[in-house]
Amino acid sequence: MRRICLETGQTVFMITHDVDEAIYLADRIVLMTNGPDAMFAEIVENPLPKERSRTDFHRHPLYYGTRNHIIDFLIARSKNFAGAIAGKSFDRRHPPVCGPSSRRRRCNSRPRRCRPSPPIAPPSPLRCSNTERIRP
């Protein structure tokens, strides 16, 4: 599928529960909250190069920071996301975007900090921004 998308330039929307598959295939990964009232919470811009091989993309220096950021959201932040944004201006149509840029602002989903918890692997390069800044 990756080869077809690169060759044709077509956009594909795919749903997966496999974090590694998402990092390998996607340019942007949309993280959703849990439950029947699930919503888009955050968009992660994949910092890995577009040309990546299935056999060694996990060796890229930004891979583990990206993976840890996604896992941190899925395990810890998604369950309490609705409470974390309660009373704050969160636009469901424009969730915050996280990516490698150092000039990104805070994520709505992380009112106290944007970086994920300290990972086992190299630290996360992700910074977050959104169209409206949330104040704690």
N, C-alpha and C. Protein backbone atom coordinates (compact mmCIF):
# COMPACT_ATOMS: atom_id res chain seq x y z
N MET A 1 0.82 -1.18 0.00
CA MET A 1 0.00 0.00 0.00
C MET A 1 0.88 1.26 0.00
N ARG A 2 1.95 1.24 0.75
CA ARG A 2 2.85 2.40 0.81
C ARG A 2 3.41 2.73 -0.58
N ARG A 3 3.83 1.71 -1.30
CA ARG A 3 4.39 1.91 -2.63
C ARG A 3 3.34 2.51 -3.58
N ILE A 4 2.13 2.01 -3.52
CA ILE A 4 1.06 2.51 -4.39
C ILE A 4 0.78 3.98 -4.10
N CYS A 5 0.72 4.35 -2.82
CA CYS A 5 0.46 5.74 -2.45
C CYS A 5 1.59 6.66 -2.93
N LEU A 6 2.82 6.22 -2.77
CA LEU A 6 3.96 7.03 -3.21
C LEU A 6 3.97 7.21 -4.73
N GLU A 7 3.66 6.13 -5.46
CA GLU A 7 3.70 6.19 -6.92
C GLU A 7 2.54 6.97 -7.52
N THR A 8 1.35 6.87 -6.91
CA THR A 8 0.17 7.52 -7.49
C THR A 8 -0.13 8.88 -6.88
N GLY A 9 0.41 9.14 -5.70
CA GLY A 9 0.13 10.40 -5.03
C GLY A 9 -1.26 10.47 -4.43
N GLN A 10 -1.94 9.33 -4.35
CA GLN A 10 -3.29 9.30 -3.81
C GLN A 10 -3.27 9.30 -2.28
N THR A 11 -4.31 9.86 -1.71
CA THR A 11 -4.48 9.87 -0.27
C THR A 11 -5.28 8.66 0.16
N VAL A 12 -4.85 8.02 1.23
CA VAL A 12 -5.56 6.85 1.75
C VAL A 12 -5.87 7.11 3.21
N PHE A 13 -7.09 6.81 3.62
CA PHE A 13 -7.49 6.90 5.02
C PHE A 13 -7.62 5.47 5.52
N MET A 14 -6.83 5.13 6.52
CA MET A 14 -6.81 3.75 7.00
C MET A 14 -6.94 3.75 8.52
N ILE A 15 -7.72 2.84 9.05
CA ILE A 15 -7.88 2.70 10.49
C ILE A 15 -7.10 1.47 10.94
N THR A 16 -6.28 1.64 11.98
CA THR A 16 -5.50 0.53 12.50
C THR A 16 -5.34 0.68 14.00
N HIS A 17 -5.10 -0.43 14.67
CA HIS A 17 -4.77 -0.42 16.09
C HIS A 17 -3.30 -0.75 16.30
N ASP A 18 -2.57 -0.88 15.21
CA ASP A 18 -1.15 -1.24 15.26
C ASP A 18 -0.31 0.03 15.12
N VAL A 19 0.32 0.44 16.20
CA VAL A 19 1.10 1.68 16.22
C VAL A 19 2.24 1.64 15.21
N ASP A 20 2.96 0.53 15.15
CA ASP A 20 4.08 0.43 14.21
C ASP A 20 3.60 0.52 12.76
N GLU A 21 2.48 -0.11 12.46
CA GLU A 21 1.92 -0.03 11.12
C GLU A 21 1.54 1.42 10.78
N ALA A 22 0.98 2.12 11.73
CA ALA A 22 0.60 3.52 11.50
C ALA A 22 1.84 4.37 11.22
N ILE A 23 2.90 4.17 12.01
CA ILE A 23 4.12 4.95 11.81
C ILE A 23 4.76 4.62 10.46
N TYR A 24 4.72 3.35 10.08
CA TYR A 24 5.32 2.96 8.80
C TYR A 24 4.54 3.51 7.61
N LEU A 25 3.21 3.43 7.66
CA LEU A 25 2.41 3.78 6.49
C LEU A 25 2.01 5.25 6.40
N ALA A 26 1.88 5.93 7.52
CA ALA A 26 1.25 7.25 7.51
C ALA A 26 2.21 8.43 7.50
N ASP A 27 1.74 9.52 6.90
CA ASP A 27 2.42 10.81 7.00
C ASP A 27 1.87 11.57 8.22
N ARG A 28 0.57 11.34 8.50
CA ARG A 28 -0.08 11.92 9.67
C ARG A 28 -0.89 10.83 10.35
N ILE A 29 -0.83 10.82 11.69
CA ILE A 29 -1.55 9.82 12.48
C ILE A 29 -2.55 10.55 13.36
N VAL A 30 -3.82 10.24 13.20
CA VAL A 30 -4.87 10.88 13.98
C VAL A 30 -5.17 10.01 15.20
N LEU A 31 -4.99 10.59 16.38
CA LEU A 31 -5.25 9.87 17.62
C LEU A 31 -6.65 10.19 18.09
N MET A 32 -7.39 9.14 18.48
CA MET A 32 -8.76 9.31 18.92
C MET A 32 -8.91 8.90 20.37
N THR A 33 -9.92 9.48 21.02
CA THR A 33 -10.21 9.13 22.40
C THR A 33 -10.97 7.81 22.46
N ASN A 34 -11.18 7.32 23.67
CA ASN A 34 -11.87 6.05 23.88
C ASN A 34 -13.38 6.23 23.91
N GLY A 35 -14.09 5.14 23.68
CA GLY A 35 -15.52 5.06 23.96
C GLY A 35 -16.44 5.48 22.85
N PRO A 36 -17.75 5.40 23.16
CA PRO A 36 -18.77 5.71 22.15
C PRO A 36 -18.79 7.18 21.74
N ASP A 37 -18.29 8.06 22.59
CA ASP A 37 -18.22 9.48 22.25
C ASP A 37 -16.83 9.86 21.77
N ALA A 38 -16.14 8.91 21.14
CA ALA A 38 -14.76 9.14 20.68
C ALA A 38 -14.68 10.33 19.74
N MET A 39 -13.57 11.05 19.83
CA MET A 39 -13.34 12.19 18.96
C MET A 39 -11.86 12.26 18.62
N PHE A 40 -11.56 13.02 17.58
CA PHE A 40 -10.16 13.26 17.24
C PHE A 40 -9.57 14.11 18.36
N ALA A 41 -8.45 13.67 18.89
CA ALA A 41 -7.83 14.39 20.00
C ALA A 41 -6.56 15.10 19.57
N GLU A 42 -5.84 14.49 18.64
CA GLU A 42 -4.52 15.00 18.29
C GLU A 42 -4.11 14.43 16.94
N ILE A 43 -3.36 15.19 16.18
CA ILE A 43 -2.80 14.70 14.92
C ILE A 43 -1.29 14.73 15.05
N VAL A 44 -0.66 13.60 14.81
CA VAL A 44 0.80 13.49 14.91
C VAL A 44 1.37 13.50 13.49
N GLU A 45 2.20 14.49 13.21
CA GLU A 45 2.90 14.52 11.93
C GLU A 45 4.08 13.56 12.02
N ASN A 46 4.14 12.61 11.13
CA ASN A 46 5.20 11.61 11.15
C ASN A 46 6.52 12.24 10.68
N PRO A 47 7.54 12.30 11.57
CA PRO A 47 8.80 12.94 11.20
C PRO A 47 9.74 12.06 10.38
N LEU A 48 9.39 10.79 10.18
CA LEU A 48 10.25 9.91 9.40
C LEU A 48 10.17 10.29 7.92
N PRO A 49 11.25 10.05 7.17
CA PRO A 49 11.23 10.40 5.74
C PRO A 49 10.17 9.59 4.99
N LYS A 50 9.63 10.18 3.93
CA LYS A 50 8.60 9.48 3.14
C LYS A 50 9.11 8.16 2.59
N GLU A 51 10.34 8.15 2.16
CA GLU A 51 10.95 6.91 1.65
C GLU A 51 11.50 6.14 2.85
N ARG A 52 10.78 5.12 3.29
CA ARG A 52 11.24 4.32 4.43
C ARG A 52 11.00 2.85 4.13
N SER A 53 11.85 2.03 4.66
CA SER A 53 11.77 0.59 4.42
C SER A 53 11.16 -0.10 5.63
N ARG A 54 10.33 -1.08 5.38
CA ARG A 54 9.68 -1.84 6.45
C ARG A 54 10.71 -2.53 7.34
N THR A 55 11.85 -2.87 6.78
CA THR A 55 12.85 -3.63 7.54
C THR A 55 13.70 -2.78 8.46
N ASP A 56 13.76 -1.46 8.24
CA ASP A 56 14.65 -0.66 9.10
C ASP A 56 14.10 0.70 9.53
N PHE A 57 12.80 0.96 9.33
CA PHE A 57 12.29 2.26 9.74
C PHE A 57 12.36 2.46 11.25
N HIS A 58 12.36 1.35 12.00
CA HIS A 58 12.47 1.45 13.46
C HIS A 58 13.86 1.88 13.93
N ARG A 59 14.81 1.93 13.02
CA ARG A 59 16.17 2.39 13.37
C ARG A 59 16.34 3.91 13.23
N HIS A 60 15.35 4.57 12.67
CA HIS A 60 15.43 6.03 12.49
C HIS A 60 15.45 6.68 13.87
N PRO A 61 16.28 7.73 14.07
CA PRO A 61 16.40 8.35 15.39
C PRO A 61 15.11 8.97 15.94
N LEU A 62 14.14 9.29 15.09
CA LEU A 62 12.89 9.88 15.56
C LEU A 62 11.78 8.85 15.78
N TYR A 63 12.05 7.59 15.43
CA TYR A 63 11.01 6.56 15.52
C TYR A 63 10.50 6.36 16.94
N TYR A 64 11.39 6.13 17.89
CA TYR A 64 10.94 5.80 19.24
C TYR A 64 10.28 6.98 19.94
N GLY A 65 10.72 8.19 19.68
CA GLY A 65 10.04 9.35 20.26
C GLY A 65 8.61 9.45 19.76
N THR A 66 8.42 9.22 18.47
CA THR A 66 7.08 9.25 17.88
C THR A 66 6.23 8.12 18.44
N ARG A 67 6.79 6.92 18.47
CA ARG A 67 6.06 5.76 18.98
C ARG A 67 5.67 5.95 20.45
N ASN A 68 6.60 6.44 21.26
CA ASN A 68 6.32 6.64 22.67
C ASN A 68 5.24 7.70 22.89
N HIS A 69 5.24 8.73 22.06
CA HIS A 69 4.21 9.77 22.15
C HIS A 69 2.84 9.17 21.89
N ILE A 70 2.73 8.34 20.88
CA ILE A 70 1.45 7.70 20.53
C ILE A 70 1.03 6.72 21.63
N ILE A 71 1.94 5.89 22.08
CA ILE A 71 1.63 4.91 23.14
C ILE A 71 1.21 5.64 24.42
N ASP A 72 1.90 6.72 24.77
CA ASP A 72 1.54 7.50 25.95
C ASP A 72 0.11 8.01 25.84
N PHE A 73 -0.27 8.48 24.66
CA PHE A 73 -1.64 8.94 24.48
C PHE A 73 -2.63 7.78 24.66
N LEU A 74 -2.36 6.67 23.99
CA LEU A 74 -3.28 5.54 24.03
C LEU A 74 -3.44 4.94 25.42
N ILE A 75 -2.36 4.88 26.18
CA ILE A 75 -2.40 4.26 27.50
C ILE A 75 -2.87 5.23 28.58
N ALA A 76 -2.35 6.43 28.57
CA ALA A 76 -2.61 7.33 29.69
C ALA A 76 -3.57 8.48 29.38
N ARG A 77 -3.35 9.19 28.30
CA ARG A 77 -4.10 10.42 28.08
C ARG A 77 -5.46 10.25 27.45
N SER A 78 -5.68 9.21 26.63
CA SER A 78 -6.97 9.09 25.94
C SER A 78 -8.12 8.85 26.90
N LYS A 79 -7.89 8.15 27.98
CA LYS A 79 -8.96 7.82 28.93
C LYS A 79 -9.49 9.06 29.64
N ASN A 80 -8.61 10.02 29.90
CA ASN A 80 -9.00 11.21 30.65
C ASN A 80 -9.06 12.46 29.79
N PHE A 81 -9.07 12.28 28.49
CA PHE A 81 -9.01 13.42 27.59
C PHE A 81 -10.20 14.36 27.77
N ALA A 82 -11.40 13.81 27.85
CA ALA A 82 -12.59 14.66 27.98
C ALA A 82 -12.50 15.51 29.24
N GLY A 83 -12.04 14.95 30.34
CA GLY A 83 -11.88 15.72 31.57
C GLY A 83 -10.79 16.77 31.47
N ALA A 84 -9.72 16.45 30.73
CA ALA A 84 -8.60 17.38 30.59
C ALA A 84 -8.97 18.62 29.78
N ILE A 85 -9.94 18.47 28.87
CA ILE A 85 -10.32 19.62 28.04
C ILE A 85 -11.59 20.29 28.52
N ALA A 86 -12.23 19.74 29.56
CA ALA A 86 -13.49 20.31 30.07
C ALA A 86 -13.26 21.76 30.47
N GLY A 87 -14.14 22.63 30.01
CA GLY A 87 -14.05 24.04 30.33
C GLY A 87 -13.01 24.81 29.53
N LYS A 88 -12.35 24.14 28.63
CA LYS A 88 -11.34 24.79 27.80
C LYS A 88 -11.86 24.87 26.37
N SER A 89 -11.33 25.76 25.59
CA SER A 89 -11.79 25.90 24.21
C SER A 89 -11.09 24.88 23.33
N PHE A 90 -11.75 23.77 23.11
CA PHE A 90 -11.22 22.72 22.25
C PHE A 90 -12.13 22.61 21.04
N ASP A 91 -11.58 22.83 19.86
CA ASP A 91 -12.34 22.75 18.62
C ASP A 91 -12.18 21.34 18.07
N ARG A 92 -13.23 20.55 18.12
CA ARG A 92 -13.18 19.15 17.65
C ARG A 92 -12.84 19.06 16.17
N ARG A 93 -13.13 20.09 15.41
CA ARG A 93 -12.83 20.08 13.98
C ARG A 93 -11.39 20.43 13.67
N HIS A 94 -10.67 20.96 14.65
CA HIS A 94 -9.27 21.34 14.46
C HIS A 94 -8.44 20.88 15.65
N PRO A 95 -8.22 19.57 15.77
CA PRO A 95 -7.41 19.09 16.90
C PRO A 95 -5.97 19.56 16.78
N PRO A 96 -5.25 19.60 17.89
CA PRO A 96 -3.86 20.05 17.83
C PRO A 96 -3.01 19.14 16.97
N VAL A 97 -1.97 19.71 16.39
CA VAL A 97 -1.05 18.97 15.53
C VAL A 97 0.29 18.88 16.25
N CYS A 98 0.83 17.65 16.34
CA CYS A 98 2.12 17.43 16.97
C CYS A 98 3.11 17.01 15.89
N GLY A 99 4.29 17.57 15.95
CA GLY A 99 5.29 17.23 14.97
C GLY A 99 6.67 17.63 15.42
N PRO A 100 7.66 17.49 14.58
CA PRO A 100 9.04 17.73 14.97
C PRO A 100 9.44 19.19 15.08
N SER A 101 8.59 20.12 14.67
CA SER A 101 8.96 21.53 14.72
C SER A 101 9.15 22.00 16.15
N SER A 102 10.19 22.75 16.41
CA SER A 102 10.46 23.23 17.76
C SER A 102 9.64 24.47 18.11
N ARG A 103 8.90 25.01 17.14
CA ARG A 103 8.11 26.20 17.40
C ARG A 103 6.64 25.89 17.66
N ARG A 104 6.32 24.64 17.88
CA ARG A 104 4.93 24.26 18.12
C ARG A 104 4.47 24.72 19.50
N ARG A 105 3.18 25.03 19.61
CA ARG A 105 2.61 25.41 20.90
C ARG A 105 2.05 24.18 21.60
N ARG A 106 1.46 24.39 22.75
CA ARG A 106 0.92 23.30 23.55
C ARG A 106 -0.19 22.54 22.84
N CYS A 107 -0.29 21.25 23.15
CA CYS A 107 -1.42 20.45 22.69
C CYS A 107 -2.59 20.70 23.61
N ASN A 108 -3.80 20.70 23.06
CA ASN A 108 -4.99 20.77 23.90
C ASN A 108 -5.07 19.57 24.81
N SER A 109 -4.59 18.45 24.32
CA SER A 109 -4.73 17.22 25.08
C SER A 109 -3.71 17.11 26.21
N ARG A 110 -2.75 18.00 26.25
CA ARG A 110 -1.73 17.98 27.31
C ARG A 110 -1.63 19.38 27.90
N PRO A 111 -2.55 19.76 28.77
CA PRO A 111 -2.54 21.12 29.27
C PRO A 111 -1.27 21.48 30.04
N ARG A 112 -0.62 20.52 30.68
CA ARG A 112 0.55 20.84 31.49
C ARG A 112 1.85 20.80 30.70
N ARG A 113 1.94 19.91 29.73
CA ARG A 113 3.16 19.80 28.93
C ARG A 113 2.81 19.12 27.62
N CYS A 114 3.63 19.32 26.64
CA CYS A 114 3.34 18.73 25.34
C CYS A 114 4.14 17.47 25.12
N ARG A 115 5.34 17.44 25.62
CA ARG A 115 6.19 16.28 25.40
C ARG A 115 5.63 15.07 26.14
N PRO A 116 5.79 13.88 25.58
CA PRO A 116 5.33 12.69 26.28
C PRO A 116 6.21 12.40 27.49
N SER A 117 5.75 11.49 28.32
CA SER A 117 6.55 11.08 29.47
C SER A 117 7.91 10.61 29.00
N PRO A 118 8.95 10.73 29.84
CA PRO A 118 10.28 10.32 29.41
C PRO A 118 10.27 8.88 28.89
N PRO A 119 10.68 8.68 27.64
CA PRO A 119 10.66 7.35 27.05
C PRO A 119 11.90 6.54 27.43
N ILE A 120 11.81 5.27 27.17
CA ILE A 120 12.95 4.39 27.39
C ILE A 120 14.00 4.66 26.32
N ALA A 121 13.53 4.90 25.12
CA ALA A 121 14.42 5.19 23.98
C ALA A 121 14.73 6.69 23.96
N PRO A 122 15.33 7.21 22.88
CA PRO A 122 15.67 8.63 22.80
C PRO A 122 14.46 9.52 23.05
N PRO A 123 14.65 10.72 23.59
CA PRO A 123 13.54 11.61 23.92
C PRO A 123 12.73 12.01 22.69
N SER A 124 11.46 12.30 22.93
CA SER A 124 10.56 12.65 21.85
C SER A 124 10.88 14.01 21.25
N PRO A 125 10.86 14.11 19.91
CA PRO A 125 11.10 15.39 19.26
C PRO A 125 9.80 16.17 19.06
N LEU A 126 8.68 15.65 19.54
CA LEU A 126 7.39 16.22 19.19
C LEU A 126 7.07 17.49 19.96
N ARG A 127 6.53 18.45 19.24
CA ARG A 127 5.99 19.67 19.81
C ARG A 127 4.57 19.77 19.27
N CYS A 128 3.71 20.43 19.97
CA CYS A 128 2.31 20.48 19.56
C CYS A 128 1.83 21.89 19.34
N SER A 129 0.80 22.00 18.49
CA SER A 129 0.19 23.30 18.26
C SER A 129 -1.28 23.08 17.96
N ASN A 130 -2.02 24.16 18.00
CA ASN A 130 -3.41 24.10 17.61
C ASN A 130 -3.82 25.50 17.17
N THR A 131 -5.05 25.62 16.73
CA THR A 131 -5.48 26.92 16.25
C THR A 131 -5.82 27.86 17.40
N GLU A 132 -6.19 27.31 18.54
CA GLU A 132 -6.48 28.13 19.72
C GLU A 132 -5.65 27.59 20.88
N ARG A 133 -4.94 28.44 21.54
CA ARG A 133 -4.10 28.01 22.65
C ARG A 133 -4.95 27.87 23.92
N ILE A 134 -4.75 26.80 24.63
CA ILE A 134 -5.47 26.57 25.88
C ILE A 134 -4.59 27.04 27.02
N ARG A 135 -5.19 27.74 27.94
CA ARG A 135 -4.46 28.17 29.12
C ARG A 135 -4.88 27.30 30.29
N PRO A 136 -3.90 26.80 31.07
CA PRO A 136 -4.27 25.91 32.19
C PRO A 136 -5.07 26.65 33.25
